[in-house]
């Protein structure tokens, strides 16, 4: 079953799904903007298309991430992203 989620007045949309091999995941797209996300569970996020800057909870500096790069976020935390171009991602809930 697919669940569609929409955040930040429709500027971020994702489709949540379950896969027997990889478990709970979502795939989504963000349009340009600055966003802060909260997590309940640890997440692994892979950039599929585009790029973004990310500020992780324990980091002092922003990281630039491009296609194929992955970052991890702890559960029960927040992280911020700056998106300059439409960017697609795969999020796996660990």
N, C-alpha and C. Protein backbone atom coordinates (compact mmCIF):
# COMPACT_ATOMS: atom_id res chain seq x y z
N UNK A 1 0.83 -1.17 0.00
CA UNK A 1 0.00 0.00 0.00
C UNK A 1 0.89 1.25 0.00
N UNK A 2 0.50 2.25 -0.75
CA UNK A 2 1.24 3.50 -0.85
C UNK A 2 0.54 4.58 -0.03
N UNK A 3 1.34 5.38 0.66
CA UNK A 3 0.83 6.52 1.40
C UNK A 3 1.53 7.76 0.88
N UNK A 4 0.77 8.75 0.45
CA UNK A 4 1.35 9.99 -0.06
C UNK A 4 1.35 11.03 1.06
N UNK A 5 2.53 11.62 1.30
CA UNK A 5 2.68 12.65 2.32
C UNK A 5 3.07 13.96 1.66
N UNK A 6 2.61 15.06 2.23
CA UNK A 6 2.90 16.38 1.71
C UNK A 6 3.32 17.27 2.87
N UNK A 7 4.42 18.02 2.69
CA UNK A 7 4.96 18.87 3.73
C UNK A 7 5.23 20.27 3.17
N UNK A 8 5.31 21.24 4.06
CA UNK A 8 5.70 22.61 3.70
C UNK A 8 4.85 23.15 2.55
N UNK A 9 3.53 23.09 2.74
CA UNK A 9 2.57 23.62 1.76
C UNK A 9 2.75 23.01 0.37
N UNK A 10 3.08 21.72 0.33
CA UNK A 10 3.21 21.01 -0.94
C UNK A 10 4.56 21.13 -1.61
N UNK A 11 5.52 21.78 -0.96
CA UNK A 11 6.85 21.94 -1.57
C UNK A 11 7.71 20.69 -1.43
N UNK A 12 7.30 19.80 -0.56
CA UNK A 12 7.95 18.49 -0.40
C UNK A 12 6.85 17.44 -0.41
N UNK A 13 6.98 16.46 -1.30
CA UNK A 13 6.01 15.37 -1.39
C UNK A 13 6.75 14.05 -1.41
N UNK A 14 6.17 13.06 -0.73
CA UNK A 14 6.81 11.74 -0.72
C UNK A 14 5.75 10.65 -0.77
N UNK A 15 6.19 9.49 -1.24
CA UNK A 15 5.34 8.30 -1.27
C UNK A 15 6.00 7.26 -0.37
N UNK A 16 5.28 6.85 0.66
CA UNK A 16 5.76 5.87 1.63
C UNK A 16 5.35 4.47 1.16
N UNK A 17 6.28 3.51 1.30
CA UNK A 17 5.98 2.14 0.89
C UNK A 17 6.78 1.16 1.73
N UNK A 18 6.37 -0.09 1.69
CA UNK A 18 7.07 -1.17 2.38
C UNK A 18 7.58 -2.16 1.34
N UNK A 19 8.83 -2.55 1.48
CA UNK A 19 9.45 -3.53 0.60
C UNK A 19 10.00 -4.65 1.46
N UNK A 20 9.77 -5.89 1.06
CA UNK A 20 10.22 -7.04 1.86
C UNK A 20 11.72 -7.05 2.07
N UNK A 21 12.50 -6.53 1.11
CA UNK A 21 13.95 -6.54 1.23
C UNK A 21 14.51 -5.36 2.03
N UNK A 22 13.94 -4.17 1.83
CA UNK A 22 14.52 -2.98 2.48
C UNK A 22 13.65 -2.39 3.58
N UNK A 23 12.47 -2.94 3.82
CA UNK A 23 11.63 -2.45 4.90
C UNK A 23 10.86 -1.18 4.53
N UNK A 24 10.64 -0.31 5.53
CA UNK A 24 9.89 0.92 5.33
C UNK A 24 10.77 1.96 4.65
N UNK A 25 10.21 2.59 3.61
CA UNK A 25 10.94 3.60 2.85
C UNK A 25 9.98 4.64 2.32
N UNK A 26 10.54 5.74 1.86
CA UNK A 26 9.76 6.71 1.10
C UNK A 26 10.65 7.29 0.02
N UNK A 27 10.01 7.70 -1.05
CA UNK A 27 10.71 8.35 -2.14
C UNK A 27 10.00 9.67 -2.38
N UNK A 28 10.77 10.74 -2.54
CA UNK A 28 10.12 12.03 -2.63
C UNK A 28 10.90 13.04 -3.44
N UNK A 29 10.28 14.22 -3.55
CA UNK A 29 10.88 15.34 -4.29
C UNK A 29 10.69 16.60 -3.47
N UNK A 30 11.74 17.43 -3.44
CA UNK A 30 11.69 18.74 -2.80
C UNK A 30 11.94 19.81 -3.85
N UNK A 31 11.14 20.85 -3.86
CA UNK A 31 11.41 21.99 -4.73
C UNK A 31 12.30 22.97 -3.96
N UNK A 32 12.89 23.94 -4.65
CA UNK A 32 13.79 24.87 -3.96
C UNK A 32 13.17 25.50 -2.72
N UNK A 33 13.99 25.55 -1.67
CA UNK A 33 13.56 26.14 -0.40
C UNK A 33 14.43 25.64 0.74
N UNK A 34 14.17 26.15 1.93
CA UNK A 34 14.86 25.75 3.15
C UNK A 34 13.86 25.03 4.04
N UNK A 35 14.23 23.83 4.51
CA UNK A 35 13.31 23.00 5.27
C UNK A 35 14.00 22.39 6.48
N UNK A 36 13.26 22.24 7.58
CA UNK A 36 13.74 21.52 8.75
C UNK A 36 12.79 20.36 9.00
N UNK A 37 13.36 19.17 9.06
CA UNK A 37 12.59 17.94 9.24
C UNK A 37 12.84 17.37 10.63
N UNK A 38 11.82 16.76 11.21
CA UNK A 38 11.95 16.02 12.47
C UNK A 38 11.88 14.54 12.15
N UNK A 39 12.63 13.73 12.91
CA UNK A 39 12.62 12.29 12.70
C UNK A 39 12.11 11.57 13.95
N UNK A 40 11.43 10.48 13.74
CA UNK A 40 11.08 9.60 14.85
C UNK A 40 12.05 8.43 14.93
N UNK A 41 12.47 7.96 13.76
CA UNK A 41 13.34 6.80 13.68
C UNK A 41 14.62 7.19 12.95
N UNK A 42 15.70 6.43 13.12
CA UNK A 42 16.90 6.68 12.31
C UNK A 42 16.57 6.56 10.83
N UNK A 43 17.20 7.39 10.02
CA UNK A 43 16.93 7.40 8.58
C UNK A 43 18.23 7.38 7.79
N UNK A 44 18.17 6.75 6.63
CA UNK A 44 19.25 6.78 5.65
C UNK A 44 18.67 7.42 4.40
N UNK A 45 19.25 8.54 3.97
CA UNK A 45 18.70 9.30 2.85
C UNK A 45 19.73 9.34 1.71
N UNK A 46 19.28 8.92 0.53
CA UNK A 46 20.12 8.88 -0.66
C UNK A 46 19.58 9.91 -1.65
N UNK A 47 20.46 10.73 -2.19
CA UNK A 47 20.06 11.72 -3.20
C UNK A 47 19.98 10.99 -4.54
N UNK A 48 18.83 11.08 -5.19
CA UNK A 48 18.59 10.38 -6.45
C UNK A 48 18.79 11.31 -7.65
N UNK A 49 18.38 12.57 -7.48
CA UNK A 49 18.47 13.55 -8.56
C UNK A 49 18.61 14.92 -7.92
N UNK A 50 19.42 15.79 -8.51
CA UNK A 50 19.60 17.12 -7.96
C UNK A 50 20.68 17.14 -6.90
N UNK A 51 20.58 18.10 -5.99
CA UNK A 51 21.56 18.23 -4.90
C UNK A 51 20.93 19.07 -3.79
N UNK A 52 21.57 19.02 -2.63
CA UNK A 52 21.11 19.84 -1.51
C UNK A 52 22.25 20.04 -0.53
N UNK A 53 22.06 21.01 0.34
CA UNK A 53 22.94 21.21 1.48
C UNK A 53 22.20 20.68 2.69
N UNK A 54 22.91 19.98 3.58
CA UNK A 54 22.27 19.43 4.78
C UNK A 54 23.08 19.83 6.01
N UNK A 55 22.35 20.17 7.07
CA UNK A 55 22.96 20.44 8.37
C UNK A 55 22.41 19.40 9.33
N UNK A 56 23.28 18.46 9.71
CA UNK A 56 22.87 17.36 10.59
C UNK A 56 22.91 17.82 12.05
N UNK A 57 22.19 17.13 12.93
CA UNK A 57 22.04 17.58 14.32
C UNK A 57 23.36 17.78 15.07
N UNK A 58 24.35 16.95 14.80
CA UNK A 58 25.61 17.06 15.54
C UNK A 58 26.69 17.81 14.77
N UNK A 59 26.35 18.36 13.61
CA UNK A 59 27.34 19.02 12.75
C UNK A 59 27.35 20.53 12.98
N UNK A 60 28.51 21.13 12.75
CA UNK A 60 28.64 22.59 12.81
C UNK A 60 28.51 23.20 11.43
N UNK A 61 28.87 22.43 10.41
CA UNK A 61 28.92 22.94 9.05
C UNK A 61 27.94 22.22 8.14
N UNK A 62 27.48 22.93 7.14
CA UNK A 62 26.61 22.36 6.10
C UNK A 62 27.44 21.45 5.21
N UNK A 63 26.84 20.36 4.74
CA UNK A 63 27.46 19.45 3.78
C UNK A 63 26.71 19.58 2.46
N UNK A 64 27.44 19.55 1.35
CA UNK A 64 26.83 19.55 0.03
C UNK A 64 26.72 18.10 -0.42
N UNK A 65 25.50 17.68 -0.79
CA UNK A 65 25.29 16.31 -1.24
C UNK A 65 24.71 16.31 -2.64
N UNK A 66 25.23 15.40 -3.46
CA UNK A 66 24.80 15.30 -4.85
C UNK A 66 24.33 13.89 -5.14
N UNK A 67 23.94 13.65 -6.38
CA UNK A 67 23.40 12.36 -6.81
C UNK A 67 24.29 11.21 -6.33
N UNK A 68 23.64 10.22 -5.71
CA UNK A 68 24.34 9.02 -5.25
C UNK A 68 24.88 9.12 -3.84
N UNK A 69 24.94 10.31 -3.29
CA UNK A 69 25.48 10.45 -1.94
C UNK A 69 24.40 10.16 -0.90
N UNK A 70 24.86 9.70 0.26
CA UNK A 70 23.97 9.22 1.32
C UNK A 70 24.32 9.95 2.62
N UNK A 71 23.28 10.26 3.41
CA UNK A 71 23.54 10.73 4.77
C UNK A 71 22.60 10.02 5.74
N UNK A 72 23.01 9.99 7.00
CA UNK A 72 22.25 9.30 8.04
C UNK A 72 21.82 10.30 9.11
N UNK A 73 20.62 10.10 9.62
CA UNK A 73 20.07 10.97 10.66
C UNK A 73 19.62 10.08 11.81
N UNK A 74 19.95 10.50 13.01
CA UNK A 74 19.53 9.77 14.20
C UNK A 74 18.02 9.93 14.40
N UNK A 75 17.43 8.96 15.08
CA UNK A 75 16.03 9.06 15.44
C UNK A 75 15.81 10.13 16.48
N UNK A 76 14.60 10.65 16.58
CA UNK A 76 14.23 11.67 17.56
C UNK A 76 15.15 12.89 17.46
N UNK A 77 15.35 13.38 16.23
CA UNK A 77 16.21 14.55 16.03
C UNK A 77 15.64 15.40 14.90
N UNK A 78 16.33 16.50 14.61
CA UNK A 78 15.96 17.37 13.50
C UNK A 78 17.18 17.60 12.62
N UNK A 79 16.92 17.82 11.33
CA UNK A 79 17.98 18.20 10.42
C UNK A 79 17.40 19.21 9.43
N UNK A 80 18.27 20.06 8.89
CA UNK A 80 17.84 21.10 7.97
C UNK A 80 18.46 20.87 6.60
N UNK A 81 17.71 21.25 5.56
CA UNK A 81 18.22 21.18 4.19
C UNK A 81 17.97 22.50 3.48
N UNK A 82 18.88 22.82 2.57
CA UNK A 82 18.72 23.94 1.65
C UNK A 82 18.72 23.34 0.26
N UNK A 83 17.65 23.58 -0.48
CA UNK A 83 17.47 22.98 -1.79
C UNK A 83 17.45 24.10 -2.84
N UNK A 84 18.37 24.05 -3.81
CA UNK A 84 18.45 25.09 -4.84
C UNK A 84 17.80 24.68 -6.16
N UNK A 85 17.59 23.38 -6.34
CA UNK A 85 16.97 22.86 -7.56
C UNK A 85 16.07 21.69 -7.17
N UNK A 86 15.06 21.36 -7.95
CA UNK A 86 14.25 20.20 -7.60
C UNK A 86 15.15 18.98 -7.35
N UNK A 87 14.93 18.34 -6.21
CA UNK A 87 15.81 17.25 -5.78
C UNK A 87 14.97 16.06 -5.31
N UNK A 88 15.30 14.87 -5.82
CA UNK A 88 14.61 13.64 -5.45
C UNK A 88 15.49 12.84 -4.49
N UNK A 89 14.83 12.12 -3.59
CA UNK A 89 15.55 11.34 -2.58
C UNK A 89 14.84 10.03 -2.27
N UNK A 90 15.60 9.08 -1.75
CA UNK A 90 15.08 7.84 -1.20
C UNK A 90 15.42 7.83 0.27
N UNK A 91 14.42 7.67 1.12
CA UNK A 91 14.62 7.62 2.57
C UNK A 91 14.26 6.24 3.06
N UNK A 92 15.23 5.58 3.69
CA UNK A 92 14.98 4.27 4.32
C UNK A 92 14.93 4.49 5.83
N UNK A 93 13.88 3.94 6.46
CA UNK A 93 13.73 4.05 7.90
C UNK A 93 14.40 2.84 8.54
N UNK A 94 15.40 3.09 9.35
CA UNK A 94 16.23 2.02 9.89
C UNK A 94 15.74 1.55 11.25
